[in-house]
Amino acid sequence: MGRGDRKTKKGKIAIRSYGNARPHGGAAVGAAKPAAKPAVKKAAPAKKAAAKKTA
């Protein structure tokens, strides 16, 4: 098992292909992404209407 073996990482590199032994793209193999928390937006404080002045 070595450079010509299609089932190993070294073999995948040698034949320039991808698969379970050599995943294509993304982060490191086996590293799970942490669960992203949904963004919580705080509501803007309500603005009071300006009182009308009567002269």
Protein backbone atom coordinates (compact mmCIF):
# COMPACT_ATOMS: atom_id res chain seq x y z
CA MET A 1 0.00 0.00 0.00
CA GLY A 2 1.54 3.23 -1.09
CA ARG A 3 1.60 5.64 -3.96
CA GLY A 4 -0.52 3.55 -6.32
CA ASP A 5 -3.14 2.57 -3.74
CA ARG A 6 -6.42 4.37 -4.46
CA LYS A 7 -7.70 3.81 -0.91
CA THR A 8 -4.97 5.68 0.96
CA LYS A 9 -4.21 9.37 1.29
CA LYS A 10 -0.81 8.93 -0.33
CA GLY A 11 -2.42 7.10 -3.25
CA LYS A 12 -5.08 9.79 -3.67
CA ILE A 13 -2.35 12.45 -3.83
CA ALA A 14 -0.40 10.41 -6.39
CA ILE A 15 -3.37 9.95 -8.75
CA ARG A 16 -4.64 13.51 -8.06
CA SER A 17 -8.10 12.54 -6.88
CA TYR A 18 -10.25 13.11 -3.81
CA GLY A 19 -12.41 10.86 -1.64
CA ASN A 20 -12.94 9.70 1.93
CA ALA A 21 -9.20 9.29 2.48
CA ARG A 22 -8.53 12.78 1.11
CA PRO A 23 -11.52 15.09 1.46
CA HIS A 24 -11.58 18.08 -0.88
CA GLY A 25 -11.69 21.64 0.52
CA GLY A 26 -13.02 22.84 3.90
CA ALA A 27 -11.41 22.72 7.33
CA ALA A 28 -9.16 20.05 8.79
CA VAL A 29 -10.35 16.45 8.61
CA GLY A 30 -12.33 15.37 11.66
CA ALA A 31 -12.66 18.86 13.08
CA ALA A 32 -16.28 19.54 13.89
CA LYS A 33 -17.54 23.07 13.53
CA PRO A 34 -18.86 24.58 16.77
CA ALA A 35 -22.58 25.17 16.76
CA ALA A 36 -23.17 28.78 15.83
CA LYS A 37 -25.54 30.66 18.08
CA PRO A 38 -28.23 32.61 16.26
CA ALA A 39 -27.64 36.34 16.35
CA VAL A 40 -30.01 38.04 18.76
CA LYS A 41 -30.71 41.66 18.04
CA LYS A 42 -31.97 43.89 20.80
CA ALA A 43 -34.92 46.07 19.95
CA ALA A 44 -34.16 49.76 19.69
CA PRO A 45 -35.71 51.81 22.50
CA ALA A 46 -38.98 53.42 21.50
CA LYS A 47 -38.69 57.14 20.85
CA LYS A 48 -41.27 59.44 22.37
CA ALA A 49 -42.97 61.93 20.10
CA ALA A 50 -41.93 65.51 20.76
CA ALA A 51 -44.67 67.56 22.40
CA LYS A 52 -46.02 70.37 20.28
CA LYS A 53 -45.59 73.84 21.69
CA THR A 54 -48.50 76.25 21.45
CA ALA A 55 -47.66 79.88 21.78
